[in-house]
Amino acid sequence: MANLYTPQAIWGRELRHHRKGAGLTQGQLAQKVHFSESLISGVETGQLPASPEFAQTCDEVLNTGGVLHRLLDWRKGQVFPSWFGPWREKEREAIALRTYEPLVFPGLLQTEAYARVLLFGNEDNIETRLDRQAVLLRDDPQPPTFRCVIDEGVLHRPIGGPEVMKEQLEHLVSMISPRLSVQVVPHGMHSGLMGGFVIATLNGGSDVLYAETAIRGITTSDQEDVAAAVECFEVMRTEALPLGMSIDLIKRTAEKKWT
């Protein structure tokens, strides 16, 4: 089954909307555009991509003013590097996410101002990062549980000015819920100094690992790698402050350091 929230699936729903608005069945549209009914069905459910020729023909038949062809511009805006694509899909499909970040706040929890500094003001990259955060706000299916462990240094690293940091810390606290927790590992030597990672748990219980390196991120389901990351995450959670104490620390840092 195609993911309901991919641009391809959203485009397919737009086609279905305009087809039904014209009072046509999939079979009737197939006859008019000279493409197969199975193709139209696959496109509308997000399982098959639409070609520019198909979109343009549908625009002409459905009298949409070229909107379907223009909406394919989403492909030009794919700003994720190729190595991030596999992880992007796993992040969307996950029923649970566990992440450890030693350097910056997790991307799914970054404010626009904080992300803007990290991404050097690149508007496409900023919009894309903020779009990823929709996974935590969706209604159907319910958002994944999200368990975060961050190094205390993240709270003190000046990304942008005091206003940016204060807003970011306050946003972090505001996002905490029964399904989303944040724990802070105090300054000092601990088990997570080697680098950040995320573990996605998918329907059926399988885990996929995304590990950050100095050059790129790596997505893998290799059992040994995943098992090592899960063990490291659990160790990190035991070394971190409990949730309540972590929240207090974040609030104190926001007030004392960034006000």
Protein backbone atom coordinates (compact mmCIF):
# COMPACT_ATOMS: atom_id res chain seq x y z
CA MET A 1 0.00 0.00 0.00
CA ALA A 2 1.36 3.42 -0.94
CA ASN A 3 2.09 5.94 1.76
CA LEU A 4 -0.85 8.36 1.92
CA TYR A 5 1.35 11.38 2.51
CA THR A 6 3.90 11.16 -0.29
CA PRO A 7 3.68 13.92 -2.91
CA GLN A 8 2.92 11.21 -5.46
CA ALA A 9 -0.10 10.00 -3.47
CA ILE A 10 -1.31 13.55 -2.88
CA TRP A 11 -1.05 14.24 -6.62
CA GLY A 12 -3.12 11.11 -7.27
CA ARG A 13 -5.87 12.36 -4.97
CA GLU A 14 -5.91 15.66 -6.90
CA LEU A 15 -6.47 13.72 -10.12
CA ARG A 16 -9.31 11.76 -8.51
CA HIS A 17 -10.88 15.02 -7.26
CA HIS A 18 -10.90 16.56 -10.72
CA ARG A 19 -12.05 13.32 -12.38
CA LYS A 20 -15.03 13.01 -10.05
CA GLY A 21 -15.74 16.71 -10.46
CA ALA A 22 -16.09 16.06 -14.19
CA GLY A 23 -18.47 13.19 -13.48
CA LEU A 24 -16.23 10.54 -15.02
CA THR A 25 -15.40 7.03 -13.88
CA GLN A 26 -11.84 5.78 -14.18
CA GLY A 27 -12.88 3.76 -17.23
CA GLN A 28 -14.49 6.76 -18.92
CA LEU A 29 -11.42 8.91 -18.28
CA ALA A 30 -9.21 6.12 -19.66
CA GLN A 31 -11.16 6.16 -22.92
CA LYS A 32 -10.81 9.94 -23.24
CA VAL A 33 -7.10 10.22 -22.43
CA HIS A 34 -6.08 6.96 -24.16
CA PHE A 35 -4.25 5.66 -21.12
CA SER A 36 -5.21 2.40 -19.40
CA GLU A 37 -7.73 2.26 -16.58
CA SER A 38 -5.21 0.33 -14.48
CA LEU A 39 -2.72 3.17 -14.87
CA ILE A 40 -5.30 5.72 -13.73
CA SER A 41 -6.17 3.55 -10.74
CA GLY A 42 -2.51 3.14 -9.81
CA VAL A 43 -1.84 6.85 -10.13
CA GLU A 44 -4.88 7.83 -8.06
CA THR A 45 -3.84 5.53 -5.21
CA GLY A 46 -0.25 6.79 -5.31
CA GLN A 47 1.17 3.44 -6.39
CA LEU A 48 2.25 4.62 -9.85
CA PRO A 49 3.90 7.90 -10.92
CA ALA A 50 2.23 10.21 -13.41
CA SER A 51 4.21 11.20 -16.49
CA PRO A 52 4.14 14.83 -17.67
CA GLU A 53 2.35 13.65 -20.83
CA PHE A 54 -0.33 11.89 -18.78
CA ALA A 55 -0.81 14.97 -16.57
CA GLN A 56 -1.06 17.30 -19.55
CA THR A 57 -3.60 15.09 -21.30
CA CYS A 58 -5.71 14.86 -18.13
CA ASP A 59 -5.58 18.66 -17.82
CA GLU A 60 -6.94 19.01 -21.35
CA VAL A 61 -9.70 16.42 -20.92
CA LEU A 62 -10.75 17.59 -17.46
CA ASN A 63 -10.39 21.29 -18.32
CA THR A 64 -8.31 22.02 -15.21
CA GLY A 65 -6.32 24.91 -16.66
CA GLY A 66 -3.04 23.01 -16.48
CA VAL A 67 -3.06 22.53 -12.70
CA LEU A 68 -2.19 18.83 -12.77
CA HIS A 69 0.84 19.37 -14.97
CA ARG A 70 2.02 22.27 -12.77
CA LEU A 71 1.60 20.19 -9.62
CA LEU A 72 4.22 17.79 -10.91
CA ASP A 73 6.72 20.54 -10.09
CA TRP A 74 7.02 18.88 -6.66
CA ARG A 75 9.57 16.60 -8.31
CA LYS A 76 11.82 19.59 -9.03
CA GLY A 77 11.72 20.47 -5.35
CA GLN A 78 13.06 17.19 -4.03
CA VAL A 79 15.90 18.67 -2.03
CA PHE A 80 16.78 15.59 0.00
CA PRO A 81 20.14 14.13 -0.97
CA SER A 82 19.83 10.71 -2.57
CA TRP A 83 21.14 8.91 0.52
CA PHE A 84 18.40 10.45 2.69
CA GLY A 85 15.51 9.23 0.54
CA PRO A 86 15.34 5.69 1.98
CA TRP A 87 15.30 7.04 5.52
CA ARG A 88 12.61 9.61 4.69
CA GLU A 89 10.20 6.81 3.81
CA LYS A 90 11.02 4.82 6.94
CA GLU A 91 10.48 7.92 9.08
CA ARG A 92 7.01 8.33 7.57
CA GLU A 93 6.10 4.67 8.06
CA ALA A 94 7.44 4.35 11.61
CA ILE A 95 5.17 3.60 14.53
CA ALA A 96 8.00 4.48 16.94
CA LEU A 97 11.18 6.56 16.71
CA ARG A 98 14.13 6.58 19.11
CA THR A 99 16.87 9.14 18.59
CA TYR A 100 20.08 10.23 20.21
CA GLU A 101 21.58 13.61 19.27
CA PRO A 102 24.92 14.80 20.68
CA LEU A 103 25.26 18.04 18.70
CA VAL A 104 21.95 19.66 17.71
CA PHE A 105 18.24 19.28 18.42
CA PRO A 106 16.53 16.51 16.40
CA GLY A 107 15.29 17.76 13.03
CA LEU A 108 11.70 16.82 13.83
CA LEU A 109 11.78 19.15 16.85
CA GLN A 110 13.61 22.15 15.40
CA THR A 111 11.95 25.56 15.18
CA GLU A 112 12.02 27.37 11.86
CA ALA A 113 14.51 29.94 13.21
CA TYR A 114 16.86 27.24 14.55
CA ALA A 115 16.65 25.25 11.30
CA ARG A 116 17.26 28.43 9.31
CA VAL A 117 20.65 28.91 10.98
CA LEU A 118 21.66 25.26 10.57
CA LEU A 119 20.63 25.24 6.91
CA PHE A 120 22.28 28.58 6.09
CA GLY A 121 18.99 30.19 5.13
CA ASN A 122 18.26 27.83 2.22
CA GLU A 123 14.49 28.24 1.90
CA ASP A 124 13.88 24.94 0.08
CA ASN A 125 15.81 22.98 2.70
CA ILE A 126 14.04 24.81 5.54
CA GLU A 127 10.60 24.11 4.08
CA THR A 128 11.49 20.48 3.53
CA ARG A 129 12.69 20.04 7.11
CA LEU A 130 9.55 21.66 8.49
CA ASP A 131 7.39 19.48 6.22
CA ARG A 132 9.00 16.39 7.77
CA GLN A 133 7.66 17.48 11.16
CA ALA A 134 4.08 16.80 10.01
CA VAL A 135 4.68 13.16 10.95
CA LEU A 136 4.41 14.21 14.64
CA LEU A 137 1.17 16.16 14.11
CA ARG A 138 -0.88 13.85 11.91
CA ASP A 139 -4.21 12.39 12.98
CA ASP A 140 -4.50 9.28 10.82
CA PRO A 141 -2.50 7.20 11.34
CA GLN A 142 -1.57 8.40 14.79
CA PRO A 143 1.90 9.91 15.18
CA PRO A 144 4.78 7.60 16.09
CA THR A 145 5.94 7.52 19.67
CA PHE A 146 9.11 9.62 19.77
CA ARG A 147 11.76 9.06 22.44
CA CYS A 148 14.66 11.52 22.34
CA VAL A 149 17.91 11.54 24.25
CA ILE A 150 20.14 14.59 23.77
CA ASP A 151 23.50 15.61 25.17
CA GLU A 152 23.38 18.56 27.57
CA GLY A 153 25.78 20.40 25.28
CA VAL A 154 22.95 20.78 22.76
CA LEU A 155 21.17 23.10 25.21
CA HIS A 156 24.22 25.37 25.38
CA ARG A 157 25.52 25.34 21.81
CA PRO A 158 24.71 28.79 20.33
CA ILE A 159 22.89 28.14 17.09
CA GLY A 160 21.74 31.66 16.29
CA GLY A 161 21.29 34.27 19.00
CA PRO A 162 19.70 34.04 22.45
CA GLU A 163 16.20 34.56 21.04
CA VAL A 164 16.58 31.63 18.67
CA MET A 165 17.89 29.37 21.42
CA LYS A 166 15.28 30.40 23.99
CA GLU A 167 12.48 29.80 21.50
CA GLN A 168 13.99 26.42 20.59
CA LEU A 169 14.24 25.25 24.20
CA GLU A 170 10.72 26.42 24.98
CA HIS A 171 9.43 24.67 21.85
CA LEU A 172 11.14 21.47 22.95
CA VAL A 173 9.33 21.54 26.29
CA SER A 174 5.99 22.37 24.62
CA MET A 175 6.22 19.26 22.41
CA ILE A 176 6.56 16.83 25.31
CA SER A 177 3.54 14.56 25.69
CA PRO A 178 2.76 10.95 26.59
CA ARG A 179 3.91 10.02 23.08
CA LEU A 180 6.98 12.28 22.98
CA SER A 181 9.69 12.40 25.61
CA VAL A 182 13.04 14.17 25.87
CA GLN A 183 15.83 13.18 28.27
CA VAL A 184 19.12 15.00 28.72
CA VAL A 185 22.47 13.31 29.30
CA PRO A 186 24.54 15.51 31.67
CA HIS A 187 27.90 16.94 30.64
CA GLY A 188 30.78 14.51 30.80
CA MET A 189 32.00 11.20 29.44
CA HIS A 190 29.21 8.86 28.39
CA SER A 191 28.35 6.13 25.89
CA GLY A 192 27.00 8.34 23.11
CA LEU A 193 29.94 10.51 22.18
CA MET A 194 30.54 8.78 18.86
CA GLY A 195 27.61 10.23 16.88
CA GLY A 196 23.86 10.63 16.53
CA PHE A 197 21.40 8.06 15.22
CA VAL A 198 17.69 7.27 14.91
CA ILE A 199 15.95 3.90 15.18
CA ALA A 200 12.60 3.54 13.41
CA THR A 201 10.27 0.72 14.43
CA LEU A 202 7.92 -0.28 11.62
CA ASN A 203 4.60 -2.10 11.64
CA GLY A 204 5.37 -5.72 12.40
CA GLY A 205 8.12 -4.80 14.82
CA SER A 206 11.16 -4.61 12.55
CA ASP A 207 13.72 -1.85 13.23
CA VAL A 208 15.67 0.30 10.78
CA LEU A 209 18.69 2.41 11.72
CA TYR A 210 19.71 5.82 10.44
CA ALA A 211 23.24 6.71 11.53
CA GLU A 212 24.93 10.05 10.94
CA THR A 213 28.51 10.27 9.70
CA ALA A 214 30.72 13.24 8.87
CA ILE A 215 29.95 12.76 5.17
CA ARG A 216 26.39 11.43 4.95
CA GLY A 217 23.69 9.50 6.72
CA ILE A 218 23.40 5.74 6.38
CA THR A 219 20.13 3.80 6.45
CA THR A 220 20.44 0.11 7.27
CA SER A 221 18.40 -2.81 8.54
CA ASP A 222 21.48 -4.93 9.18
CA GLN A 223 20.63 -6.86 12.33
CA GLU A 224 24.00 -6.42 14.01
CA ASP A 225 24.08 -2.67 13.39
CA VAL A 226 20.50 -2.21 14.53
CA ALA A 227 21.03 -4.32 17.64
CA ALA A 228 24.15 -2.32 18.57
CA ALA A 229 22.24 0.96 18.17
CA VAL A 230 19.30 -0.27 20.25
CA GLU A 231 21.69 -1.36 23.00
CA CYS A 232 23.48 2.00 22.86
CA PHE A 233 20.18 3.90 23.04
CA GLU A 234 19.03 1.95 26.08
CA VAL A 235 22.37 2.59 27.81
CA MET A 236 22.04 6.28 26.98
CA ARG A 237 18.56 6.40 28.50
CA THR A 238 19.88 4.96 31.74
CA GLU A 239 22.66 7.57 31.81
CA ALA A 240 20.21 10.42 31.04
CA LEU A 241 18.26 12.40 33.59
CA PRO A 242 14.65 11.25 34.11
CA LEU A 243 12.00 13.11 32.11
CA GLY A 244 10.94 15.46 34.90
CA MET A 245 14.51 16.44 35.77
CA SER A 246 15.31 16.87 32.07
CA ILE A 247 12.38 19.25 31.62
CA ASP A 248 13.51 21.27 34.64
CA LEU A 249 17.05 21.48 33.24
CA ILE A 250 15.82 22.62 29.83
CA LYS A 251 13.63 25.30 31.42
CA ARG A 252 16.45 26.52 33.70
CA THR A 253 18.86 26.70 30.78
CA ALA A 254 16.35 28.69 28.71
CA GLU A 255 15.90 31.21 31.51
CA LYS A 256 19.45 31.49 32.84
CA LYS A 257 21.55 31.17 29.68
CA TRP A 258 19.31 32.39 26.88
CA THR A 259 17.24 35.17 28.45
